Amino acid sequence: MKTIAVAGGTGKLGLTIAETLQENPEYSVIVLSRKTQELRNAALKVVVVDYSKPEELHKVLESYAVETVISALQVNSAESGAAELALVRAADACLTTRRFISSDWSMPIKDPKYYLPYLPIRHQTIETLRSTDLEFTTVYNGTIIDQLGTPHIRSHMGVYGIHIDMANRAAAIPGSGEDFVSFTYSFDIARFVEAALGLEKWEQETYCYSDNVTHNEILRIAEETVGCKFNVAYDPVEKLERGEMTELPIHQASYKRFPKPALQRRFSLFGLYHVRGMCYMPPEKSLNRLFPHIKTHTVAELMAPWKNV
């Protein structure tokens, strides 16, 4: 039985991955956390670690004979970036650890023009991994699409919306709405990660998706599902490039964490990713092609629980 360590595995995508792997008898799963936490899934073992002490991280990995480290840390600051780098160094020093998945879980952005502030921090992790003896990959899954079904589907991602506001029957479509985008359900990501653990060799970039669809198609399905027309705005590229987009009612709940201007800049950039084709995962390079038995969730299936709500 191989031991997998999931860093940041007490919430959101990390917990999703940990729960999925824990169900597989081939793996023993430990969750690395900065503080003691009791999880609903009592079968998951939480191990408290201090990312500022790489030597202690190393001892934890050695004591549990960890074979693979999966980072689901929210790497969005210098502090969280330093934590992931410490985890890389500890894994490289550990005699039993040979594989590492770095935290990104979005899309490969190569042009600095489209960087969010945290992207250079994540890229630093990849550069550091290249200098180690670890086999590593970064999983790119496009846009996580749980938002279309929450709170009516199984998800740890929280209730939020970017371009489609199901609860308030509203949409802010980037560009023409005709660009194909890769959308992925969090538990589909976890199943692809589980499958990838069995591969003999990893590429340094790994792709997966649940559904490739346009925003206009999502809007059509949403309106058919709930049985009414949405209040729809189309945001031209020029508006998105100014860091602006149409505000949706669901955005307001996020302003305590992200003031409106910051949220607008972030979400408008996501819109540009969609319009520019950066959020389309290449099917020919995807885990979908390697593992056709994995039946992913379509956008329509994730939105279906909204019927008659």
Protein backbone atom coordinates (compact mmCIF):
# COMPACT_ATOMS: atom_id res chain seq x y z
CA MET A 1 0.00 0.00 0.00
CA LYS A 2 1.40 3.38 -1.03
CA THR A 3 1.10 6.39 1.26
CA ILE A 4 -0.08 9.64 -0.29
CA ALA A 5 0.25 12.95 1.54
CA VAL A 6 -2.26 15.66 0.60
CA ALA A 7 -1.09 19.10 1.70
CA GLY A 8 -4.00 21.47 2.23
CA GLY A 9 -6.29 18.46 2.40
CA THR A 10 -8.68 19.78 5.05
CA GLY A 11 -10.75 21.89 2.68
CA LYS A 12 -11.94 22.53 -0.86
CA LEU A 13 -10.09 20.63 -3.59
CA GLY A 14 -7.55 19.11 -1.20
CA LEU A 15 -10.28 17.49 0.86
CA THR A 16 -12.00 16.33 -2.34
CA ILE A 17 -8.81 14.58 -3.48
CA ALA A 18 -8.09 13.12 -0.04
CA GLU A 19 -11.60 11.68 0.29
CA THR A 20 -11.45 10.13 -3.17
CA LEU A 21 -8.05 8.52 -2.61
CA GLN A 22 -9.03 7.29 0.85
CA GLU A 23 -11.73 5.15 -0.77
CA ASN A 24 -9.07 3.31 -2.80
CA PRO A 25 -7.60 0.33 -0.87
CA GLU A 26 -4.32 0.72 -2.77
CA TYR A 27 -3.55 3.97 -0.93
CA SER A 28 -3.05 5.12 2.61
CA VAL A 29 -3.78 8.84 2.84
CA ILE A 30 -2.50 11.43 5.30
CA VAL A 31 -3.64 15.05 5.27
CA LEU A 32 -1.03 17.69 6.09
CA SER A 33 -2.44 20.67 7.96
CA ARG A 34 -1.07 23.68 9.83
CA LYS A 35 -3.44 23.05 12.72
CA THR A 36 -5.35 20.21 14.34
CA GLN A 37 -8.71 19.67 12.69
CA GLU A 38 -11.44 17.09 12.96
CA LEU A 39 -12.79 16.09 9.58
CA ARG A 40 -16.23 14.66 8.93
CA ASN A 41 -14.47 11.74 7.29
CA ALA A 42 -12.99 10.15 10.38
CA ALA A 43 -10.97 7.73 8.24
CA LEU A 44 -8.72 10.57 7.08
CA LYS A 45 -5.68 11.08 9.27
CA VAL A 46 -4.69 14.72 9.83
CA VAL A 47 -1.01 15.33 10.57
CA VAL A 48 -0.07 18.77 11.89
CA VAL A 49 3.02 20.27 10.23
CA ASP A 50 4.97 23.51 10.41
CA TYR A 51 5.92 24.59 6.89
CA SER A 52 8.52 26.98 8.28
CA LYS A 53 10.53 23.97 9.49
CA PRO A 54 11.56 21.82 6.49
CA GLU A 55 13.44 19.40 8.73
CA GLU A 56 10.23 18.59 10.61
CA LEU A 57 8.36 18.21 7.30
CA HIS A 58 11.05 15.79 6.19
CA LYS A 59 10.64 13.74 9.37
CA VAL A 60 6.87 13.51 8.84
CA LEU A 61 7.27 12.29 5.26
CA GLU A 62 9.90 9.77 6.34
CA SER A 63 7.89 8.48 9.31
CA TYR A 64 4.85 7.77 7.15
CA ALA A 65 6.94 6.50 4.20
CA VAL A 66 5.15 8.90 1.86
CA GLU A 67 5.52 7.92 -1.80
CA THR A 68 3.70 10.86 -3.40
CA VAL A 69 2.99 14.40 -2.20
CA ILE A 70 -0.04 16.19 -3.64
CA SER A 71 -0.07 19.91 -2.94
CA ALA A 72 -3.50 21.52 -2.74
CA LEU A 73 -2.16 24.47 -0.78
CA GLN A 74 -3.71 27.79 -1.78
CA VAL A 75 -0.53 29.26 -3.21
CA ASN A 76 -1.51 32.91 -3.56
CA SER A 77 1.07 34.78 -1.47
CA ALA A 78 4.78 34.82 -0.67
CA GLU A 79 4.05 32.98 2.59
CA SER A 80 2.05 30.18 0.97
CA GLY A 81 4.63 29.97 -1.82
CA ALA A 82 7.38 29.52 0.76
CA ALA A 83 5.33 26.74 2.40
CA GLU A 84 5.08 24.83 -0.86
CA LEU A 85 8.80 25.28 -1.55
CA ALA A 86 9.56 23.89 1.90
CA LEU A 87 7.37 20.91 1.09
CA VAL A 88 9.26 20.34 -2.17
CA ARG A 89 12.61 20.40 -0.38
CA ALA A 90 11.37 18.03 2.32
CA ALA A 91 10.02 15.63 -0.30
CA ASP A 92 13.27 15.73 -2.24
CA ALA A 93 15.22 14.88 0.91
CA CYS A 94 12.86 12.03 1.85
CA LEU A 95 14.12 8.59 0.81
CA THR A 96 10.63 7.20 0.18
CA THR A 97 9.10 10.16 -1.68
CA ARG A 98 9.54 10.08 -5.43
CA ARG A 99 6.60 12.03 -6.84
CA PHE A 100 5.12 15.50 -6.35
CA ILE A 101 2.05 17.30 -7.75
CA SER A 102 2.37 21.07 -7.42
CA SER A 103 -0.60 23.29 -6.66
CA ASP A 104 -2.24 25.12 -9.54
CA TRP A 105 -5.44 23.31 -10.49
CA SER A 106 -6.42 25.79 -13.18
CA MET A 107 -4.86 26.46 -16.58
CA PRO A 108 -1.34 27.04 -17.96
CA ILE A 109 -0.81 30.79 -18.39
CA LYS A 110 2.41 31.41 -20.30
CA ASP A 111 2.08 35.11 -21.22
CA PRO A 112 3.06 37.50 -18.36
CA LYS A 113 0.48 39.95 -19.74
CA TYR A 114 -2.21 37.71 -18.28
CA TYR A 115 -0.55 36.88 -14.97
CA LEU A 116 -2.38 37.14 -11.70
CA PRO A 117 -0.02 38.19 -8.86
CA TYR A 118 0.35 34.66 -7.55
CA LEU A 119 1.36 32.99 -10.83
CA PRO A 120 5.10 33.80 -10.60
CA ILE A 121 5.03 32.29 -7.10
CA ARG A 122 3.56 29.05 -8.45
CA HIS A 123 6.05 29.04 -11.30
CA GLN A 124 8.86 29.25 -8.75
CA THR A 125 7.69 25.93 -7.31
CA ILE A 126 7.93 24.33 -10.76
CA GLU A 127 11.43 25.72 -11.30
CA THR A 128 12.49 24.35 -7.93
CA LEU A 129 11.02 20.93 -8.75
CA ARG A 130 13.11 20.86 -11.94
CA SER A 131 16.24 21.05 -9.78
CA THR A 132 15.24 18.01 -7.69
CA ASP A 133 15.24 14.26 -8.27
CA LEU A 134 11.46 14.14 -7.90
CA GLU A 135 9.16 13.14 -10.72
CA PHE A 136 6.56 15.89 -10.80
CA THR A 137 3.57 17.27 -12.63
CA THR A 138 1.09 20.13 -12.46
CA VAL A 139 -2.55 19.32 -13.13
CA TYR A 140 -4.41 21.74 -15.40
CA ASN A 141 -8.18 21.35 -15.38
CA GLY A 142 -9.52 24.61 -16.78
CA THR A 143 -12.25 26.23 -14.68
CA ILE A 144 -13.63 24.31 -11.71
CA ILE A 145 -17.34 24.23 -12.38
CA ASP A 146 -18.91 23.24 -9.04
CA GLN A 147 -20.35 26.76 -8.90
CA LEU A 148 -23.05 25.76 -11.41
CA GLY A 149 -24.46 23.16 -9.04
CA THR A 150 -23.74 24.41 -5.53
CA PRO A 151 -25.27 24.26 -3.02
CA HIS A 152 -27.28 21.37 -4.51
CA ILE A 153 -24.40 19.02 -5.43
CA ARG A 154 -21.68 17.30 -3.45
CA SER A 155 -18.84 19.80 -3.24
CA HIS A 156 -16.31 21.29 -0.83
CA MET A 157 -15.59 24.29 -3.05
CA GLY A 158 -18.06 26.72 -1.49
CA VAL A 159 -20.96 28.63 -3.04
CA TYR A 160 -19.86 31.31 -5.50
CA GLY A 161 -20.31 32.39 -9.09
CA ILE A 162 -18.17 34.05 -11.74
CA HIS A 163 -20.06 34.36 -15.02
CA ILE A 164 -23.28 32.44 -14.31
CA ASP A 165 -25.41 33.25 -11.25
CA MET A 166 -27.87 30.37 -10.97
CA ALA A 167 -29.57 31.57 -7.79
CA ASN A 168 -30.32 35.02 -9.16
CA ARG A 169 -30.94 34.01 -12.79
CA ALA A 170 -28.25 36.29 -14.16
CA ALA A 171 -25.18 35.98 -16.39
CA ALA A 172 -22.19 38.08 -17.43
CA ILE A 173 -20.84 36.44 -20.57
CA PRO A 174 -17.24 37.20 -21.62
CA GLY A 175 -16.85 38.20 -25.27
CA SER A 176 -19.27 36.64 -27.73
CA GLY A 177 -19.92 33.59 -25.56
CA GLU A 178 -18.95 31.33 -28.46
CA ASP A 179 -15.47 30.38 -27.23
CA PHE A 180 -15.03 26.79 -26.05
CA VAL A 181 -13.89 26.47 -22.45
CA SER A 182 -12.86 23.44 -20.38
CA PHE A 183 -14.93 23.10 -17.22
CA THR A 184 -14.22 20.46 -14.58
CA TYR A 185 -16.11 19.19 -11.54
CA SER A 186 -13.91 18.90 -8.44
CA PHE A 187 -14.64 15.21 -7.88
CA ASP A 188 -13.79 14.49 -11.53
CA ILE A 189 -10.41 16.15 -10.93
CA ALA A 190 -9.90 13.88 -7.94
CA ARG A 191 -10.72 10.78 -9.97
CA PHE A 192 -8.26 11.79 -12.67
CA VAL A 193 -5.57 12.37 -10.03
CA GLU A 194 -6.30 8.91 -8.64
CA ALA A 195 -5.89 7.43 -12.11
CA ALA A 196 -2.68 9.40 -12.78
CA LEU A 197 -1.07 7.93 -9.67
CA GLY A 198 -1.04 4.60 -11.50
CA LEU A 199 0.84 5.88 -14.54
CA GLU A 200 4.40 4.64 -14.92
CA LYS A 201 5.57 8.03 -16.18
CA TRP A 202 4.29 11.56 -15.68
CA GLU A 203 4.51 14.47 -18.06
CA GLN A 204 5.38 17.76 -16.39
CA GLU A 205 2.00 19.13 -17.43
CA THR A 206 -1.16 17.03 -17.00
CA TYR A 207 -4.54 17.97 -18.49
CA CYS A 208 -8.10 16.93 -17.73
CA TYR A 209 -11.64 18.27 -18.07
CA SER A 210 -15.25 17.31 -17.48
CA ASP A 211 -16.95 19.19 -20.31
CA ASN A 212 -15.83 21.46 -23.16
CA VAL A 213 -18.62 23.92 -23.84
CA THR A 214 -19.30 27.59 -24.65
CA HIS A 215 -20.82 30.13 -22.27
CA ASN A 216 -23.77 30.52 -24.61
CA GLU A 217 -24.44 26.80 -24.37
CA ILE A 218 -24.20 26.95 -20.57
CA LEU A 219 -26.68 29.84 -20.57
CA ARG A 220 -29.08 27.90 -22.79
CA ILE A 221 -28.92 24.85 -20.51
CA ALA A 222 -29.32 27.01 -17.40
CA GLU A 223 -32.45 28.71 -18.74
CA GLU A 224 -33.95 25.38 -19.81
CA THR A 225 -33.16 23.89 -16.40
CA VAL A 226 -34.82 26.59 -14.30
CA GLY A 227 -37.56 27.33 -16.85
CA CYS A 228 -37.02 31.06 -17.27
CA LYS A 229 -34.85 33.60 -19.06
CA PHE A 230 -31.78 35.04 -17.32
CA ASN A 231 -30.82 38.69 -17.07
CA VAL A 232 -27.84 38.56 -19.45
CA ALA A 233 -25.01 40.97 -20.23
CA TYR A 234 -22.20 40.41 -22.73
CA ASP A 235 -18.88 41.97 -21.71
CA PRO A 236 -16.74 42.99 -24.70
CA VAL A 237 -13.04 42.19 -24.66
CA GLU A 238 -12.21 45.91 -24.33
CA LYS A 239 -14.14 46.04 -21.06
CA LEU A 240 -12.46 42.91 -19.73
CA GLU A 241 -9.04 44.32 -20.62
CA ARG A 242 -9.83 47.35 -18.44
CA GLY A 243 -10.31 44.97 -15.51
CA GLU A 244 -14.07 45.39 -15.54
CA MET A 245 -17.05 43.10 -15.95
CA THR A 246 -20.77 43.15 -15.29
CA GLU A 247 -21.46 42.70 -11.59
CA LEU A 248 -23.67 39.74 -10.69
CA PRO A 249 -25.69 39.65 -7.44
CA ILE A 250 -23.73 36.63 -6.21
CA HIS A 251 -20.45 38.59 -6.40
CA GLN A 252 -21.48 40.80 -3.50
CA ALA A 253 -21.04 37.98 -0.99
CA SER A 254 -17.31 37.91 -1.81
CA TYR A 255 -16.60 41.59 -1.21
CA LYS A 256 -15.62 41.03 2.43
CA ARG A 257 -12.64 39.01 1.22
CA PHE A 258 -12.15 40.76 -2.12
CA PRO A 259 -13.16 44.41 -2.46
CA LYS A 260 -15.18 44.96 -5.61
CA PRO A 261 -12.32 46.45 -7.72
CA ALA A 262 -10.03 43.51 -6.89
CA LEU A 263 -12.76 40.97 -7.61
CA GLN A 264 -13.58 42.71 -10.90
CA ARG A 265 -9.91 42.58 -11.97
CA ARG A 266 -9.65 38.89 -11.13
CA PHE A 267 -12.93 37.78 -12.70
CA SER A 268 -12.43 39.91 -15.81
CA LEU A 269 -9.05 38.25 -16.28
CA PHE A 270 -10.75 34.85 -16.02
CA GLY A 271 -13.04 36.06 -18.79
CA LEU A 272 -10.04 36.92 -20.93
CA TYR A 273 -8.61 33.45 -20.31
CA HIS A 274 -11.83 32.04 -21.72
CA VAL A 275 -11.99 34.37 -24.71
CA ARG A 276 -8.31 33.89 -25.59
CA GLY A 277 -8.54 30.09 -25.52
CA MET A 278 -6.23 29.71 -22.53
CA CYS A 279 -8.86 27.75 -20.63
CA TYR A 280 -9.31 25.05 -23.27
CA MET A 281 -7.51 21.85 -22.29
CA PRO A 282 -6.13 19.90 -25.28
CA PRO A 283 -8.11 16.63 -25.54
CA GLU A 284 -5.24 14.88 -27.35
CA LYS A 285 -2.95 15.44 -24.32
CA SER A 286 -5.56 14.82 -21.65
CA LEU A 287 -6.09 12.13 -19.05
CA ASN A 288 -9.57 11.82 -20.56
CA ARG A 289 -7.99 10.06 -23.54
CA LEU A 290 -5.83 7.82 -21.35
CA PHE A 291 -8.70 6.87 -19.05
CA PRO A 292 -11.88 6.75 -21.16
CA HIS A 293 -13.60 4.67 -18.47
CA ILE A 294 -13.80 7.75 -16.25
CA LYS A 295 -17.25 9.17 -16.99
CA THR A 296 -17.13 12.86 -16.24
CA HIS A 297 -20.00 15.13 -15.27
CA THR A 298 -21.47 17.37 -17.96
CA VAL A 299 -22.51 20.95 -17.29
CA ALA A 300 -26.14 19.89 -17.75
CA GLU A 301 -25.80 17.16 -15.10
CA LEU A 302 -24.28 19.55 -12.57
CA MET A 303 -27.03 22.13 -13.13
CA ALA A 304 -29.87 19.60 -13.09
CA PRO A 305 -30.53 19.90 -9.30
CA TRP A 306 -31.62 23.52 -9.90
CA LYS A 307 -34.74 22.29 -11.69
CA ASN A 308 -37.83 23.46 -9.82
CA VAL A 309 -35.69 25.30 -7.21
